[in-house]
Protein backbone atom coordinates (compact mmCIF):
# COMPACT_ATOMS: atom_id res chain seq x y z
CA UNK A 1 0.00 0.00 0.00
CA UNK A 2 1.45 3.39 -0.95
CA UNK A 3 1.78 6.23 1.56
CA UNK A 4 -1.28 8.29 0.51
CA UNK A 5 -3.39 5.13 0.86
CA UNK A 6 -1.92 4.50 4.31
CA UNK A 7 -2.78 8.09 5.29
CA UNK A 8 -6.34 7.44 4.11
CA UNK A 9 -6.52 4.17 6.04
CA UNK A 10 -5.20 5.67 9.27
CA UNK A 11 -6.84 9.11 9.24
CA UNK A 12 -9.72 8.72 6.75
CA UNK A 13 -8.17 11.73 5.00
CA UNK A 14 -6.97 12.14 1.45
CA UNK A 15 -3.82 14.24 1.14
CA UNK A 16 -4.95 17.53 -0.45
CA UNK A 17 -4.04 18.45 -4.01
CA UNK A 18 -1.99 21.46 -2.92
CA UNK A 19 0.14 19.28 -0.64
CA UNK A 20 0.60 16.71 -3.42
CA UNK A 21 1.65 19.43 -5.89
CA UNK A 22 4.45 20.58 -3.59
CA UNK A 23 5.38 16.99 -2.76
CA UNK A 24 5.46 15.85 -6.40
CA UNK A 25 7.56 18.90 -7.32
CA UNK A 26 10.18 17.72 -4.79
CA UNK A 27 9.87 20.86 -2.66
CA UNK A 28 8.86 19.28 0.64
CA UNK A 29 12.33 18.00 1.42
CA UNK A 30 14.18 19.58 4.31
CA UNK A 31 17.25 20.35 2.22
CA UNK A 32 17.89 23.86 0.93
CA UNK A 33 19.68 22.60 -2.18
CA UNK A 34 16.63 20.67 -3.46
CA UNK A 35 13.52 21.74 -1.58
CA UNK A 36 12.48 24.36 0.93
CA UNK A 37 14.21 24.12 4.27
CA UNK A 38 12.75 26.47 6.88
CA UNK A 39 13.80 27.14 10.46
CA UNK A 40 10.55 26.61 12.34
CA UNK A 41 9.58 23.14 11.15
CA UNK A 42 10.35 20.16 8.95
CA UNK A 43 7.90 19.09 6.27
CA UNK A 44 6.48 15.60 6.71
CA UNK A 45 6.52 13.22 3.76
CA UNK A 46 3.44 11.10 3.01
CA UNK A 47 5.18 8.16 4.72
CA UNK A 48 5.96 10.28 7.79
CA UNK A 49 2.37 11.52 7.93
CA UNK A 50 1.06 7.96 7.76
CA UNK A 51 3.42 6.82 10.55
CA UNK A 52 3.55 9.98 12.71
CA UNK A 53 3.20 9.08 16.40
CA UNK A 54 0.48 11.25 17.91
CA UNK A 55 -0.72 11.01 21.51
CA UNK A 56 -4.01 9.14 21.95
CA UNK A 57 -5.56 12.23 23.57
CA UNK A 58 -5.03 14.38 20.44
CA UNK A 59 -8.29 15.19 18.61
CA UNK A 60 -8.76 12.76 15.72
CA UNK A 61 -9.56 15.67 13.40
CA UNK A 62 -5.88 16.76 13.43
CA UNK A 63 -3.59 15.23 10.80
CA UNK A 64 0.10 16.24 10.96
CA UNK A 65 1.91 17.80 7.99
CA UNK A 66 5.01 19.34 9.65
CA UNK A 67 6.95 19.02 12.90
CA UNK A 68 9.05 21.54 14.82
CA UNK A 69 12.45 20.74 16.35
CA UNK A 70 10.64 20.66 19.73
CA UNK A 71 8.17 18.01 18.44
CA UNK A 72 5.21 20.36 18.11
CA UNK A 73 3.11 19.80 15.01
CA UNK A 74 1.37 21.71 12.29
CA UNK A 75 -1.75 19.79 11.34
CA UNK A 76 -4.65 19.84 8.97
CA UNK A 77 -7.82 20.45 10.96
CA UNK A 78 -10.46 18.36 9.24
CA UNK A 79 -14.16 19.03 9.70
CA UNK A 80 -17.19 18.02 7.69
CA UNK A 81 -18.41 21.58 7.19
CA UNK A 82 -15.33 23.29 5.69
CA UNK A 83 -12.18 22.38 3.76
CA UNK A 84 -9.18 21.30 5.83
CA UNK A 85 -7.08 24.17 7.15
CA UNK A 86 -3.73 24.28 8.97
CA UNK A 87 -3.42 24.61 12.74
CA UNK A 88 -0.34 25.20 14.89
CA UNK A 89 -0.45 22.53 17.60
CA UNK A 90 2.01 22.97 20.50
CA UNK A 91 2.50 19.65 22.30
CA UNK A 92 2.51 21.25 25.76
CA UNK A 93 -0.82 23.06 25.40
CA UNK A 94 -4.42 21.89 25.36
CA UNK A 95 -5.07 24.49 22.66
CA UNK A 96 -4.07 24.85 19.03
CA UNK A 97 -4.45 27.92 16.82
CA UNK A 98 -5.58 28.53 13.24
CA UNK A 99 -2.46 29.14 11.16
CA UNK A 100 -3.30 29.02 7.43
CA UNK A 101 -6.42 28.39 5.35
CA UNK A 102 -4.85 25.49 3.40
CA UNK A 103 -1.49 23.87 2.69
CA UNK A 104 -0.56 26.32 -0.07
CA UNK A 105 -1.12 29.12 2.46
CA UNK A 106 1.02 27.22 4.96
CA UNK A 107 3.94 27.12 2.50
CA UNK A 108 3.43 30.81 1.71
CA UNK A 109 3.38 31.76 5.41
CA UNK A 110 6.36 29.52 6.20
CA UNK A 111 8.41 31.29 3.53
CA UNK A 112 7.41 34.75 4.77
CA UNK A 113 8.32 33.77 8.35
CA UNK A 114 11.66 32.43 7.12
CA UNK A 115 12.35 35.53 5.03
CA UNK A 116 11.84 37.69 8.14
CA UNK A 117 13.75 35.52 10.62
CA UNK A 118 16.00 32.66 9.55
CA UNK A 119 17.43 30.61 12.40
CA UNK A 120 19.86 28.52 10.39
CA UNK A 121 21.42 30.82 7.77
CA UNK A 122 24.10 33.14 9.14
CA UNK A 123 25.82 34.24 5.93
CA UNK A 124 24.38 37.37 4.24
CA UNK A 125 25.41 36.40 0.72
CA UNK A 126 24.20 32.83 1.18
CA UNK A 127 20.78 33.85 2.56
CA UNK A 128 20.07 36.09 -0.43
CA UNK A 129 20.92 33.33 -2.92
CA UNK A 130 18.95 30.64 -1.04
CA UNK A 131 15.83 32.79 -0.71
CA UNK A 132 15.91 33.78 -4.40
CA UNK A 133 16.17 30.08 -5.27
CA UNK A 134 13.23 29.22 -2.97
CA UNK A 135 11.13 31.93 -4.65
CA UNK A 136 11.97 30.57 -8.09
CA UNK A 137 11.18 26.98 -7.04
CA UNK A 138 7.71 27.81 -5.70
CA UNK A 139 6.75 30.35 -8.36
CA UNK A 140 5.18 27.80 -10.69
CA UNK A 141 3.07 26.24 -7.91
CA UNK A 142 1.92 29.18 -5.79
CA UNK A 143 -0.99 31.25 -7.06
CA UNK A 144 0.42 34.07 -9.25
CA UNK A 145 -0.11 36.93 -6.77
CA UNK A 146 1.64 34.96 -4.00
CA UNK A 147 4.46 33.90 -6.32
CA UNK A 148 4.98 37.56 -7.22
CA UNK A 149 4.99 38.57 -3.53
CA UNK A 150 7.51 35.85 -2.66
CA UNK A 151 9.79 36.81 -5.56
CA UNK A 152 9.65 40.46 -4.46
CA UNK A 153 10.37 39.61 -0.81
CA UNK A 154 13.24 37.29 -1.73
CA UNK A 155 14.92 40.15 -3.60
CA UNK A 156 15.24 42.15 -0.37
CA UNK A 157 18.59 43.13 1.09
CA UNK A 158 19.76 40.88 3.95
CA UNK A 159 19.54 42.57 7.35
CA UNK A 160 19.72 41.67 11.01
CA UNK A 161 16.41 41.61 12.87
CA UNK A 162 15.71 42.38 16.53
CA UNK A 163 16.93 38.89 17.55
CA UNK A 164 20.20 39.50 15.70
CA UNK A 165 19.27 36.93 13.05
CA UNK A 166 19.16 37.42 9.30
CA UNK A 167 16.17 38.11 7.12
CA UNK A 168 15.37 39.89 3.86
CA UNK A 169 12.08 41.47 4.98
CA UNK A 170 11.02 42.91 8.31
CA UNK A 171 8.78 41.09 10.77
CA UNK A 172 6.21 43.86 10.22
CA UNK A 173 6.25 43.30 6.44
CA UNK A 174 5.75 39.56 6.91
CA UNK A 175 2.92 40.08 9.42
CA UNK A 176 1.14 42.56 7.17
CA UNK A 177 1.24 40.24 4.16
CA UNK A 178 0.17 37.24 6.27
CA UNK A 179 -2.81 39.07 7.82
CA UNK A 180 -3.95 40.40 4.45
CA UNK A 181 -3.43 37.29 2.32
CA UNK A 182 -4.23 34.47 4.75
CA UNK A 183 -7.29 35.76 6.57
CA UNK A 184 -9.82 32.97 7.19
CA UNK A 185 -12.40 32.43 9.94
CA UNK A 186 -10.03 30.52 12.27
CA UNK A 187 -6.95 32.70 11.66
CA UNK A 188 -5.23 33.21 15.03
CA UNK A 189 -8.15 31.68 16.92
CA UNK A 190 -7.52 29.05 19.55
CA UNK A 191 -9.41 25.79 19.85
CA UNK A 192 -9.14 22.67 22.00
CA UNK A 193 -6.76 20.14 20.45
CA UNK A 194 -6.89 17.47 23.15
CA UNK A 195 -9.88 15.30 23.93
CA UNK A 196 -11.22 15.08 27.48
C-alpha atoms as a PDB file:
ATOM      1  CA  UNK A   1       0.000   0.000   0.000  1.00  0.00           C
ATOM      2  CA  UNK A   2       1.454   3.386  -0.948  1.00  0.00           C
ATOM      3  CA  UNK A   3       1.784   6.227   1.562  1.00  0.00           C
ATOM      4  CA  UNK A   4      -1.284   8.286   0.511  1.00  0.00           C
ATOM      5  CA  UNK A   5      -3.394   5.129   0.858  1.00  0.00           C
ATOM      6  CA  UNK A   6      -1.917   4.498   4.310  1.00  0.00           C
ATOM      7  CA  UNK A   7      -2.783   8.091   5.289  1.00  0.00           C
ATOM      8  CA  UNK A   8      -6.345   7.443   4.112  1.00  0.00           C
ATOM      9  CA  UNK A   9      -6.523   4.171   6.037  1.00  0.00           C
ATOM     10  CA  UNK A  10      -5.196   5.667   9.267  1.00  0.00           C
ATOM     11  CA  UNK A  11      -6.838   9.107   9.240  1.00  0.00           C
ATOM     12  CA  UNK A  12      -9.719   8.725   6.746  1.00  0.00           C
ATOM     13  CA  UNK A  13      -8.172  11.726   5.002  1.00  0.00           C
ATOM     14  CA  UNK A  14      -6.969  12.143   1.446  1.00  0.00           C
ATOM     15  CA  UNK A  15      -3.818  14.237   1.144  1.00  0.00           C
ATOM     16  CA  UNK A  16      -4.954  17.528  -0.452  1.00  0.00           C
ATOM     17  CA  UNK A  17      -4.041  18.447  -4.010  1.00  0.00           C
ATOM     18  CA  UNK A  18      -1.992  21.463  -2.920  1.00  0.00           C
ATOM     19  CA  UNK A  19       0.138  19.282  -0.636  1.00  0.00           C
ATOM     20  CA  UNK A  20       0.602  16.713  -3.417  1.00  0.00           C
ATOM     21  CA  UNK A  21       1.653  19.428  -5.891  1.00  0.00           C
ATOM     22  CA  UNK A  22       4.453  20.583  -3.588  1.00  0.00           C
ATOM     23  CA  UNK A  23       5.377  16.993  -2.757  1.00  0.00           C
ATOM     24  CA  UNK A  24       5.459  15.848  -6.399  1.00  0.00           C
ATOM     25  CA  UNK A  25       7.563  18.897  -7.321  1.00  0.00           C
ATOM     26  CA  UNK A  26      10.182  17.718  -4.793  1.00  0.00           C
ATOM     27  CA  UNK A  27       9.868  20.855  -2.660  1.00  0.00           C
ATOM     28  CA  UNK A  28       8.858  19.275   0.645  1.00  0.00           C
ATOM     29  CA  UNK A  29      12.331  18.002   1.423  1.00  0.00           C
ATOM     30  CA  UNK A  30      14.183  19.577   4.306  1.00  0.00           C
ATOM     31  CA  UNK A  31      17.252  20.346   2.220  1.00  0.00           C
ATOM     32  CA  UNK A  32      17.890  23.860   0.930  1.00  0.00           C
ATOM     33  CA  UNK A  33      19.679  22.599  -2.183  1.00  0.00           C
ATOM     34  CA  UNK A  34      16.633  20.673  -3.460  1.00  0.00           C
ATOM     35  CA  UNK A  35      13.525  21.735  -1.580  1.00  0.00           C
ATOM     36  CA  UNK A  36      12.477  24.365   0.927  1.00  0.00           C
ATOM     37  CA  UNK A  37      14.213  24.120   4.271  1.00  0.00           C
ATOM     38  CA  UNK A  38      12.755  26.474   6.882  1.00  0.00           C
ATOM     39  CA  UNK A  39      13.795  27.139  10.457  1.00  0.00           C
ATOM     40  CA  UNK A  40      10.552  26.615  12.342  1.00  0.00           C
ATOM     41  CA  UNK A  41       9.576  23.145  11.147  1.00  0.00           C
ATOM     42  CA  UNK A  42      10.352  20.161   8.947  1.00  0.00           C
ATOM     43  CA  UNK A  43       7.899  19.087   6.267  1.00  0.00           C
ATOM     44  CA  UNK A  44       6.482  15.605   6.710  1.00  0.00           C
ATOM     45  CA  UNK A  45       6.522  13.216   3.759  1.00  0.00           C
ATOM     46  CA  UNK A  46       3.436  11.099   3.009  1.00  0.00           C
ATOM     47  CA  UNK A  47       5.182   8.160   4.722  1.00  0.00           C
ATOM     48  CA  UNK A  48       5.959  10.275   7.793  1.00  0.00           C
ATOM     49  CA  UNK A  49       2.367  11.520   7.925  1.00  0.00           C
ATOM     50  CA  UNK A  50       1.057   7.956   7.763  1.00  0.00           C
ATOM     51  CA  UNK A  51       3.420   6.820  10.548  1.00  0.00           C
ATOM     52  CA  UNK A  52       3.553   9.982  12.708  1.00  0.00           C
ATOM     53  CA  UNK A  53       3.197   9.079  16.395  1.00  0.00           C
ATOM     54  CA  UNK A  54       0.479  11.248  17.912  1.00  0.00           C
ATOM     55  CA  UNK A  55      -0.724  11.006  21.512  1.00  0.00           C
ATOM     56  CA  UNK A  56      -4.012   9.136  21.951  1.00  0.00           C
ATOM     57  CA  UNK A  57      -5.557  12.230  23.566  1.00  0.00           C
ATOM     58  CA  UNK A  58      -5.035  14.384  20.436  1.00  0.00           C
ATOM     59  CA  UNK A  59      -8.291  15.186  18.612  1.00  0.00           C
ATOM     60  CA  UNK A  60      -8.760  12.757  15.724  1.00  0.00           C
ATOM     61  CA  UNK A  61      -9.558  15.671  13.395  1.00  0.00           C
ATOM     62  CA  UNK A  62      -5.882  16.764  13.432  1.00  0.00           C
ATOM     63  CA  UNK A  63      -3.587  15.227  10.796  1.00  0.00           C
ATOM     64  CA  UNK A  64       0.102  16.235  10.957  1.00  0.00           C
ATOM     65  CA  UNK A  65       1.914  17.799   7.991  1.00  0.00           C
ATOM     66  CA  UNK A  66       5.007  19.344   9.646  1.00  0.00           C
ATOM     67  CA  UNK A  67       6.946  19.024  12.897  1.00  0.00           C
ATOM     68  CA  UNK A  68       9.050  21.537  14.822  1.00  0.00           C
ATOM     69  CA  UNK A  69      12.446  20.735  16.345  1.00  0.00           C
ATOM     70  CA  UNK A  70      10.644  20.658  19.734  1.00  0.00           C
ATOM     71  CA  UNK A  71       8.171  18.007  18.443  1.00  0.00           C
ATOM     72  CA  UNK A  72       5.211  20.360  18.111  1.00  0.00           C
ATOM     73  CA  UNK A  73       3.113  19.800  15.006  1.00  0.00           C
ATOM     74  CA  UNK A  74       1.366  21.714  12.293  1.00  0.00           C
ATOM     75  CA  UNK A  75      -1.753  19.791  11.345  1.00  0.00           C
ATOM     76  CA  UNK A  76      -4.647  19.840   8.969  1.00  0.00           C
ATOM     77  CA  UNK A  77      -7.818  20.445  10.963  1.00  0.00           C
ATOM     78  CA  UNK A  78     -10.460  18.361   9.243  1.00  0.00           C
ATOM     79  CA  UNK A  79     -14.163  19.026   9.698  1.00  0.00           C
ATOM     80  CA  UNK A  80     -17.191  18.017   7.689  1.00  0.00           C
ATOM     81  CA  UNK A  81     -18.411  21.582   7.189  1.00  0.00           C
ATOM     82  CA  UNK A  82     -15.325  23.289   5.686  1.00  0.00           C
ATOM     83  CA  UNK A  83     -12.181  22.383   3.762  1.00  0.00           C
ATOM     84  CA  UNK A  84      -9.177  21.303   5.834  1.00  0.00           C
ATOM     85  CA  UNK A  85      -7.076  24.168   7.147  1.00  0.00           C
ATOM     86  CA  UNK A  86      -3.727  24.282   8.966  1.00  0.00           C
ATOM     87  CA  UNK A  87      -3.419  24.607  12.739  1.00  0.00           C
ATOM     88  CA  UNK A  88      -0.343  25.197  14.894  1.00  0.00           C
ATOM     89  CA  UNK A  89      -0.451  22.525  17.600  1.00  0.00           C
ATOM     90  CA  UNK A  90       2.012  22.971  20.497  1.00  0.00           C
ATOM     91  CA  UNK A  91       2.499  19.655  22.302  1.00  0.00           C
ATOM     92  CA  UNK A  92       2.514  21.252  25.764  1.00  0.00           C
ATOM     93  CA  UNK A  93      -0.818  23.063  25.401  1.00  0.00           C
ATOM     94  CA  UNK A  94      -4.417  21.888  25.359  1.00  0.00           C
ATOM     95  CA  UNK A  95      -5.066  24.485  22.663  1.00  0.00           C
ATOM     96  CA  UNK A  96      -4.072  24.849  19.029  1.00  0.00           C
ATOM     97  CA  UNK A  97      -4.450  27.925  16.816  1.00  0.00           C
ATOM     98  CA  UNK A  98      -5.579  28.526  13.240  1.00  0.00           C
ATOM     99  CA  UNK A  99      -2.457  29.140  11.158  1.00  0.00           C
ATOM    100  CA  UNK A 100      -3.297  29.018   7.428  1.00  0.00           C
ATOM    101  CA  UNK A 101      -6.417  28.393   5.348  1.00  0.00           C
ATOM    102  CA  UNK A 102      -4.851  25.491   3.404  1.00  0.00           C
ATOM    103  CA  UNK A 103      -1.490  23.868   2.693  1.00  0.00           C
ATOM    104  CA  UNK A 104      -0.563  26.324  -0.068  1.00  0.00           C
ATOM    105  CA  UNK A 105      -1.123  29.117   2.456  1.00  0.00           C
ATOM    106  CA  UNK A 106       1.020  27.221   4.965  1.00  0.00           C
ATOM    107  CA  UNK A 107       3.935  27.122   2.496  1.00  0.00           C
ATOM    108  CA  UNK A 108       3.434  30.808   1.712  1.00  0.00           C
ATOM    109  CA  UNK A 109       3.376  31.762   5.412  1.00  0.00           C
ATOM    110  CA  UNK A 110       6.358  29.518   6.201  1.00  0.00           C
ATOM    111  CA  UNK A 111       8.405  31.286   3.529  1.00  0.00           C
ATOM    112  CA  UNK A 112       7.412  34.748   4.771  1.00  0.00           C
ATOM    113  CA  UNK A 113       8.317  33.774   8.348  1.00  0.00           C
ATOM    114  CA  UNK A 114      11.662  32.428   7.124  1.00  0.00           C
ATOM    115  CA  UNK A 115      12.353  35.529   5.028  1.00  0.00           C
ATOM    116  CA  UNK A 116      11.839  37.693   8.140  1.00  0.00           C
ATOM    117  CA  UNK A 117      13.754  35.523  10.615  1.00  0.00           C
ATOM    118  CA  UNK A 118      15.996  32.659   9.554  1.00  0.00           C
ATOM    119  CA  UNK A 119      17.432  30.615  12.404  1.00  0.00           C
ATOM    120  CA  UNK A 120      19.856  28.523  10.387  1.00  0.00           C
ATOM    121  CA  UNK A 121      21.419  30.819   7.773  1.00  0.00           C
ATOM    122  CA  UNK A 122      24.095  33.138   9.145  1.00  0.00           C
ATOM    123  CA  UNK A 123      25.817  34.244   5.925  1.00  0.00           C
ATOM    124  CA  UNK A 124      24.380  37.366   4.242  1.00  0.00           C
ATOM    125  CA  UNK A 125      25.406  36.404   0.719  1.00  0.00           C
ATOM    126  CA  UNK A 126      24.196  32.835   1.178  1.00  0.00           C
ATOM    127  CA  UNK A 127      20.778  33.849   2.556  1.00  0.00           C
ATOM    128  CA  UNK A 128      20.072  36.090  -0.425  1.00  0.00           C
ATOM    129  CA  UNK A 129      20.923  33.332  -2.915  1.00  0.00           C
ATOM    130  CA  UNK A 130      18.952  30.644  -1.041  1.00  0.00           C
ATOM    131  CA  UNK A 131      15.831  32.788  -0.711  1.00  0.00           C
ATOM    132  CA  UNK A 132      15.911  33.782  -4.396  1.00  0.00           C
ATOM    133  CA  UNK A 133      16.172  30.075  -5.268  1.00  0.00           C
ATOM    134  CA  UNK A 134      13.227  29.224  -2.972  1.00  0.00           C
ATOM    135  CA  UNK A 135      11.130  31.927  -4.645  1.00  0.00           C
ATOM    136  CA  UNK A 136      11.971  30.566  -8.085  1.00  0.00           C
ATOM    137  CA  UNK A 137      11.176  26.985  -7.040  1.00  0.00           C
ATOM    138  CA  UNK A 138       7.710  27.813  -5.700  1.00  0.00           C
ATOM    139  CA  UNK A 139       6.755  30.353  -8.362  1.00  0.00           C
ATOM    140  CA  UNK A 140       5.178  27.797 -10.693  1.00  0.00           C
ATOM    141  CA  UNK A 141       3.071  26.241  -7.905  1.00  0.00           C
ATOM    142  CA  UNK A 142       1.921  29.181  -5.786  1.00  0.00           C
ATOM    143  CA  UNK A 143      -0.991  31.249  -7.064  1.00  0.00           C
ATOM    144  CA  UNK A 144       0.421  34.065  -9.249  1.00  0.00           C
ATOM    145  CA  UNK A 145      -0.110  36.929  -6.766  1.00  0.00           C
ATOM    146  CA  UNK A 146       1.635  34.962  -4.002  1.00  0.00           C
ATOM    147  CA  UNK A 147       4.456  33.901  -6.317  1.00  0.00           C
ATOM    148  CA  UNK A 148       4.976  37.556  -7.221  1.00  0.00           C
ATOM    149  CA  UNK A 149       4.986  38.573  -3.535  1.00  0.00           C
ATOM    150  CA  UNK A 150       7.515  35.851  -2.660  1.00  0.00           C
ATOM    151  CA  UNK A 151       9.789  36.806  -5.564  1.00  0.00           C
ATOM    152  CA  UNK A 152       9.650  40.464  -4.462  1.00  0.00           C
ATOM    153  CA  UNK A 153      10.366  39.614  -0.811  1.00  0.00           C
ATOM    154  CA  UNK A 154      13.236  37.293  -1.734  1.00  0.00           C
ATOM    155  CA  UNK A 155      14.922  40.148  -3.603  1.00  0.00           C
ATOM    156  CA  UNK A 156      15.244  42.150  -0.368  1.00  0.00           C
ATOM    157  CA  UNK A 157      18.590  43.130   1.093  1.00  0.00           C
ATOM    158  CA  UNK A 158      19.756  40.877   3.947  1.00  0.00           C
ATOM    159  CA  UNK A 159      19.537  42.567   7.353  1.00  0.00           C
ATOM    160  CA  UNK A 160      19.722  41.669  11.011  1.00  0.00           C
ATOM    161  CA  UNK A 161      16.410  41.605  12.868  1.00  0.00           C
ATOM    162  CA  UNK A 162      15.706  42.383  16.529  1.00  0.00           C
ATOM    163  CA  UNK A 163      16.931  38.893  17.545  1.00  0.00           C
ATOM    164  CA  UNK A 164      20.202  39.504  15.702  1.00  0.00           C
ATOM    165  CA  UNK A 165      19.274  36.926  13.051  1.00  0.00           C
ATOM    166  CA  UNK A 166      19.161  37.417   9.303  1.00  0.00           C
ATOM    167  CA  UNK A 167      16.170  38.110   7.117  1.00  0.00           C
ATOM    168  CA  UNK A 168      15.373  39.885   3.863  1.00  0.00           C
ATOM    169  CA  UNK A 169      12.081  41.470   4.985  1.00  0.00           C
ATOM    170  CA  UNK A 170      11.022  42.910   8.314  1.00  0.00           C
ATOM    171  CA  UNK A 171       8.783  41.086  10.767  1.00  0.00           C
ATOM    172  CA  UNK A 172       6.214  43.859  10.223  1.00  0.00           C
ATOM    173  CA  UNK A 173       6.251  43.299   6.443  1.00  0.00           C
ATOM    174  CA  UNK A 174       5.752  39.563   6.907  1.00  0.00           C
ATOM    175  CA  UNK A 175       2.923  40.085   9.415  1.00  0.00           C
ATOM    176  CA  UNK A 176       1.138  42.562   7.168  1.00  0.00           C
ATOM    177  CA  UNK A 177       1.237  40.239   4.165  1.00  0.00           C
ATOM    178  CA  UNK A 178       0.174  37.243   6.270  1.00  0.00           C
ATOM    179  CA  UNK A 179      -2.806  39.069   7.819  1.00  0.00           C
ATOM    180  CA  UNK A 180      -3.947  40.396   4.452  1.00  0.00           C
ATOM    181  CA  UNK A 181      -3.431  37.287   2.318  1.00  0.00           C
ATOM    182  CA  UNK A 182      -4.232  34.469   4.750  1.00  0.00           C
ATOM    183  CA  UNK A 183      -7.294  35.756   6.574  1.00  0.00           C
ATOM    184  CA  UNK A 184      -9.818  32.973   7.194  1.00  0.00           C
ATOM    185  CA  UNK A 185     -12.399  32.431   9.941  1.00  0.00           C
ATOM    186  CA  UNK A 186     -10.033  30.520  12.275  1.00  0.00           C
ATOM    187  CA  UNK A 187      -6.948  32.702  11.663  1.00  0.00           C
ATOM    188  CA  UNK A 188      -5.229  33.208  15.030  1.00  0.00           C
ATOM    189  CA  UNK A 189      -8.148  31.677  16.922  1.00  0.00           C
ATOM    190  CA  UNK A 190      -7.518  29.052  19.554  1.00  0.00           C
ATOM    191  CA  UNK A 191      -9.415  25.794  19.853  1.00  0.00           C
ATOM    192  CA  UNK A 192      -9.139  22.668  22.003  1.00  0.00           C
ATOM    193  CA  UNK A 193      -6.762  20.136  20.450  1.00  0.00           C
ATOM    194  CA  UNK A 194      -6.891  17.466  23.153  1.00  0.00           C
ATOM    195  CA  UNK A 195      -9.883  15.301  23.933  1.00  0.00           C
ATOM    196  CA  UNK A 196     -11.216  15.083  27.476  1.00  0.00           C
END
